[in-house]
Amino acid sequence: MVARVQNAGLARFTLLLAAASWYLQWGTGSGAAATANVVTTTTTTEARAAATMSQQTTTVTSDTLRAVGTITAAGARAITEIGLFDAAGTGSPPTGGNMDIWGDFSVINLASGDSIAFTLNTTFS
């Protein structure tokens, strides 16, 4: 038997995910993409930022989950990764909750007080 999620199912999945509370947190480490990646936050003290969630269309209607949020640097940073968490976390840097989406990128250097807006798109197909 072959089973697959139909287009309408993709839209329902992203709708359910977009209705939940999510938080963005950056990191300063980087590594090869893996299912067990964690955001490396040993040198940062920024709190996780609440993400604004929405559905977007990439290939079929509402197949993409979008998280948007802005984080302000408390000090000079060379960030290279972002994670999407299901909880605000506690402590400094925040810990706790589950990281469900992770991505890395070329280094972005920030000075103290700089803000950066992230848009994280995850397409389901």
C-alpha atoms as a PDB file:
ATOM      1  CA  MET A   1       0.000   0.000   0.000  1.00  0.00           C
ATOM      2  CA  VAL A   2       1.159   3.494  -0.815  1.00  0.00           C
ATOM      3  CA  ALA A   3       0.035   6.314   1.473  1.00  0.00           C
ATOM      4  CA  ARG A   4       0.625  10.024   1.103  1.00  0.00           C
ATOM      5  CA  VAL A   5      -0.623  13.299   2.491  1.00  0.00           C
ATOM      6  CA  GLN A   6      -2.932  15.006   0.031  1.00  0.00           C
ATOM      7  CA  ASN A   7      -2.756  18.747  -0.678  1.00  0.00           C
ATOM      8  CA  ALA A   8      -5.707  19.507   1.617  1.00  0.00           C
ATOM      9  CA  GLY A   9      -3.935  17.566   4.360  1.00  0.00           C
ATOM     10  CA  LEU A  10      -0.805  19.714   3.981  1.00  0.00           C
ATOM     11  CA  ALA A  11      -2.944  22.811   4.462  1.00  0.00           C
ATOM     12  CA  ARG A  12      -4.526  21.360   7.619  1.00  0.00           C
ATOM     13  CA  PHE A  13      -1.107  20.439   9.056  1.00  0.00           C
ATOM     14  CA  THR A  14       0.272  23.949   8.550  1.00  0.00           C
ATOM     15  CA  LEU A  15      -2.951  25.451   9.933  1.00  0.00           C
ATOM     16  CA  LEU A  16      -2.654  23.414  13.127  1.00  0.00           C
ATOM     17  CA  LEU A  17       1.041  24.261  13.518  1.00  0.00           C
ATOM     18  CA  ALA A  18       0.445  27.964  12.854  1.00  0.00           C
ATOM     19  CA  ALA A  19      -2.178  28.054  15.629  1.00  0.00           C
ATOM     20  CA  ALA A  20       0.373  27.016  18.283  1.00  0.00           C
ATOM     21  CA  SER A  21       2.782  29.311  20.155  1.00  0.00           C
ATOM     22  CA  TRP A  22       6.339  29.227  18.807  1.00  0.00           C
ATOM     23  CA  TYR A  23       9.611  30.949  19.719  1.00  0.00           C
ATOM     24  CA  LEU A  24      12.752  31.772  17.727  1.00  0.00           C
ATOM     25  CA  GLN A  25      16.246  31.629  19.205  1.00  0.00           C
ATOM     26  CA  TRP A  26      19.527  32.186  17.422  1.00  0.00           C
ATOM     27  CA  GLY A  27      22.809  30.462  18.023  1.00  0.00           C
ATOM     28  CA  THR A  28      26.500  31.002  17.449  1.00  0.00           C
ATOM     29  CA  GLY A  29      27.573  27.494  16.538  1.00  0.00           C
ATOM     30  CA  SER A  30      27.017  25.648  13.342  1.00  0.00           C
ATOM     31  CA  GLY A  31      27.170  22.126  12.086  1.00  0.00           C
ATOM     32  CA  ALA A  32      25.968  19.785   9.418  1.00  0.00           C
ATOM     33  CA  ALA A  33      22.211  19.430   9.322  1.00  0.00           C
ATOM     34  CA  ALA A  34      21.067  16.507  11.447  1.00  0.00           C
ATOM     35  CA  THR A  35      17.894  15.473  13.202  1.00  0.00           C
ATOM     36  CA  ALA A  36      19.572  15.936  16.586  1.00  0.00           C
ATOM     37  CA  ASN A  37      20.908  19.486  16.026  1.00  0.00           C
ATOM     38  CA  VAL A  38      20.676  21.945  18.894  1.00  0.00           C
ATOM     39  CA  VAL A  39      21.078  25.711  18.794  1.00  0.00           C
ATOM     40  CA  THR A  40      24.463  26.517  20.351  1.00  0.00           C
ATOM     41  CA  THR A  41      23.768  29.363  22.769  1.00  0.00           C
ATOM     42  CA  THR A  42      26.646  29.247  25.233  1.00  0.00           C
ATOM     43  CA  THR A  43      27.737  32.807  24.472  1.00  0.00           C
ATOM     44  CA  THR A  44      24.359  34.494  24.146  1.00  0.00           C
ATOM     45  CA  THR A  45      21.936  35.814  26.720  1.00  0.00           C
ATOM     46  CA  GLU A  46      19.055  36.853  24.479  1.00  0.00           C
ATOM     47  CA  ALA A  47      15.629  35.495  25.289  1.00  0.00           C
ATOM     48  CA  ARG A  48      13.681  33.546  22.741  1.00  0.00           C
ATOM     49  CA  ALA A  49      11.459  35.810  20.700  1.00  0.00           C
ATOM     50  CA  ALA A  50       7.801  34.990  20.153  1.00  0.00           C
ATOM     51  CA  ALA A  51       7.218  34.144  16.506  1.00  0.00           C
ATOM     52  CA  THR A  52       4.293  35.317  14.425  1.00  0.00           C
ATOM     53  CA  MET A  53       3.037  32.276  12.543  1.00  0.00           C
ATOM     54  CA  SER A  54       1.223  32.036   9.219  1.00  0.00           C
ATOM     55  CA  GLN A  55       0.512  29.742   6.297  1.00  0.00           C
ATOM     56  CA  GLN A  56       2.116  30.458   2.941  1.00  0.00           C
ATOM     57  CA  THR A  57       1.955  28.863  -0.489  1.00  0.00           C
ATOM     58  CA  THR A  58       5.092  27.512  -2.143  1.00  0.00           C
ATOM     59  CA  THR A  59       3.861  24.735  -4.445  1.00  0.00           C
ATOM     60  CA  VAL A  60       0.283  24.008  -3.382  1.00  0.00           C
ATOM     61  CA  THR A  61      -2.088  26.116  -1.285  1.00  0.00           C
ATOM     62  CA  SER A  62      -0.894  26.554   2.323  1.00  0.00           C
ATOM     63  CA  ASP A  63       1.921  23.965   2.136  1.00  0.00           C
ATOM     64  CA  THR A  64       4.389  26.228   3.966  1.00  0.00           C
ATOM     65  CA  LEU A  65       4.609  27.232   7.624  1.00  0.00           C
ATOM     66  CA  ARG A  66       6.157  30.690   8.164  1.00  0.00           C
ATOM     67  CA  ALA A  67       7.611  31.934  11.457  1.00  0.00           C
ATOM     68  CA  VAL A  68       8.650  35.600  11.736  1.00  0.00           C
ATOM     69  CA  GLY A  69      10.345  37.196  14.724  1.00  0.00           C
ATOM     70  CA  THR A  70      12.891  39.842  15.720  1.00  0.00           C
ATOM     71  CA  ILE A  71      15.714  39.364  18.204  1.00  0.00           C
ATOM     72  CA  THR A  72      17.915  42.170  19.584  1.00  0.00           C
ATOM     73  CA  ALA A  73      21.552  41.495  20.495  1.00  0.00           C
ATOM     74  CA  ALA A  74      22.609  42.186  24.092  1.00  0.00           C
ATOM     75  CA  GLY A  75      26.246  42.200  22.940  1.00  0.00           C
ATOM     76  CA  ALA A  76      28.394  41.618  19.876  1.00  0.00           C
ATOM     77  CA  ARG A  77      27.379  38.361  18.173  1.00  0.00           C
ATOM     78  CA  ALA A  78      28.418  36.273  15.181  1.00  0.00           C
ATOM     79  CA  ILE A  79      25.247  34.238  14.679  1.00  0.00           C
ATOM     80  CA  THR A  80      25.049  31.257  12.337  1.00  0.00           C
ATOM     81  CA  GLU A  81      21.851  29.382  13.174  1.00  0.00           C
ATOM     82  CA  ILE A  82      18.196  29.692  14.143  1.00  0.00           C
ATOM     83  CA  GLY A  83      15.829  27.322  15.906  1.00  0.00           C
ATOM     84  CA  LEU A  84      12.060  27.248  16.295  1.00  0.00           C
ATOM     85  CA  PHE A  85      10.946  26.098  19.753  1.00  0.00           C
ATOM     86  CA  ASP A  86       7.584  25.116  21.233  1.00  0.00           C
ATOM     87  CA  ALA A  87       8.237  26.920  24.553  1.00  0.00           C
ATOM     88  CA  ALA A  88       9.678  30.238  25.686  1.00  0.00           C
ATOM     89  CA  GLY A  89      12.194  28.426  27.886  1.00  0.00           C
ATOM     90  CA  THR A  90      13.782  29.677  31.091  1.00  0.00           C
ATOM     91  CA  GLY A  91      17.205  30.941  32.066  1.00  0.00           C
ATOM     92  CA  SER A  92      19.817  32.945  30.200  1.00  0.00           C
ATOM     93  CA  PRO A  93      20.260  31.680  27.562  1.00  0.00           C
ATOM     94  CA  PRO A  94      16.824  30.068  27.549  1.00  0.00           C
ATOM     95  CA  THR A  95      16.599  26.302  27.764  1.00  0.00           C
ATOM     96  CA  GLY A  96      13.646  23.966  27.741  1.00  0.00           C
ATOM     97  CA  GLY A  97      10.983  23.041  25.282  1.00  0.00           C
ATOM     98  CA  ASN A  98      11.557  21.215  22.024  1.00  0.00           C
ATOM     99  CA  MET A  99      13.349  22.573  18.990  1.00  0.00           C
ATOM    100  CA  ASP A 100      11.268  21.437  16.041  1.00  0.00           C
ATOM    101  CA  ILE A 101      12.901  23.312  13.150  1.00  0.00           C
ATOM    102  CA  TRP A 102      16.581  24.249  12.781  1.00  0.00           C
ATOM    103  CA  GLY A 103      18.542  26.058  10.108  1.00  0.00           C
ATOM    104  CA  ASP A 104      22.024  27.412   9.622  1.00  0.00           C
ATOM    105  CA  PHE A 105      23.437  30.178   7.470  1.00  0.00           C
ATOM    106  CA  SER A 106      26.637  32.113   6.785  1.00  0.00           C
ATOM    107  CA  VAL A 107      27.762  34.226   9.722  1.00  0.00           C
ATOM    108  CA  ILE A 108      25.852  37.446  10.437  1.00  0.00           C
ATOM    109  CA  ASN A 109      27.793  39.824  12.666  1.00  0.00           C
ATOM    110  CA  LEU A 110      25.793  42.004  15.038  1.00  0.00           C
ATOM    111  CA  ALA A 111      26.849  44.802  17.361  1.00  0.00           C
ATOM    112  CA  SER A 112      25.259  45.286  20.761  1.00  0.00           C
ATOM    113  CA  GLY A 113      21.759  46.694  20.295  1.00  0.00           C
ATOM    114  CA  ASP A 114      21.414  45.479  16.684  1.00  0.00           C
ATOM    115  CA  SER A 115      18.165  43.732  15.832  1.00  0.00           C
ATOM    116  CA  ILE A 116      17.623  41.081  13.228  1.00  0.00           C
ATOM    117  CA  ALA A 117      14.297  39.924  11.806  1.00  0.00           C
ATOM    118  CA  PHE A 118      14.081  36.259  10.875  1.00  0.00           C
ATOM    119  CA  THR A 119      11.634  34.704   8.436  1.00  0.00           C
ATOM    120  CA  LEU A 120      11.766  30.918   8.663  1.00  0.00           C
ATOM    121  CA  ASN A 121       9.794  29.061   5.989  1.00  0.00           C
ATOM    122  CA  THR A 122       9.241  25.307   6.230  1.00  0.00           C
ATOM    123  CA  THR A 123       7.580  23.676   3.240  1.00  0.00           C
ATOM    124  CA  PHE A 124       5.755  20.379   3.601  1.00  0.00           C
ATOM    125  CA  SER A 125       5.409  18.213   0.530  1.00  0.00           C
END
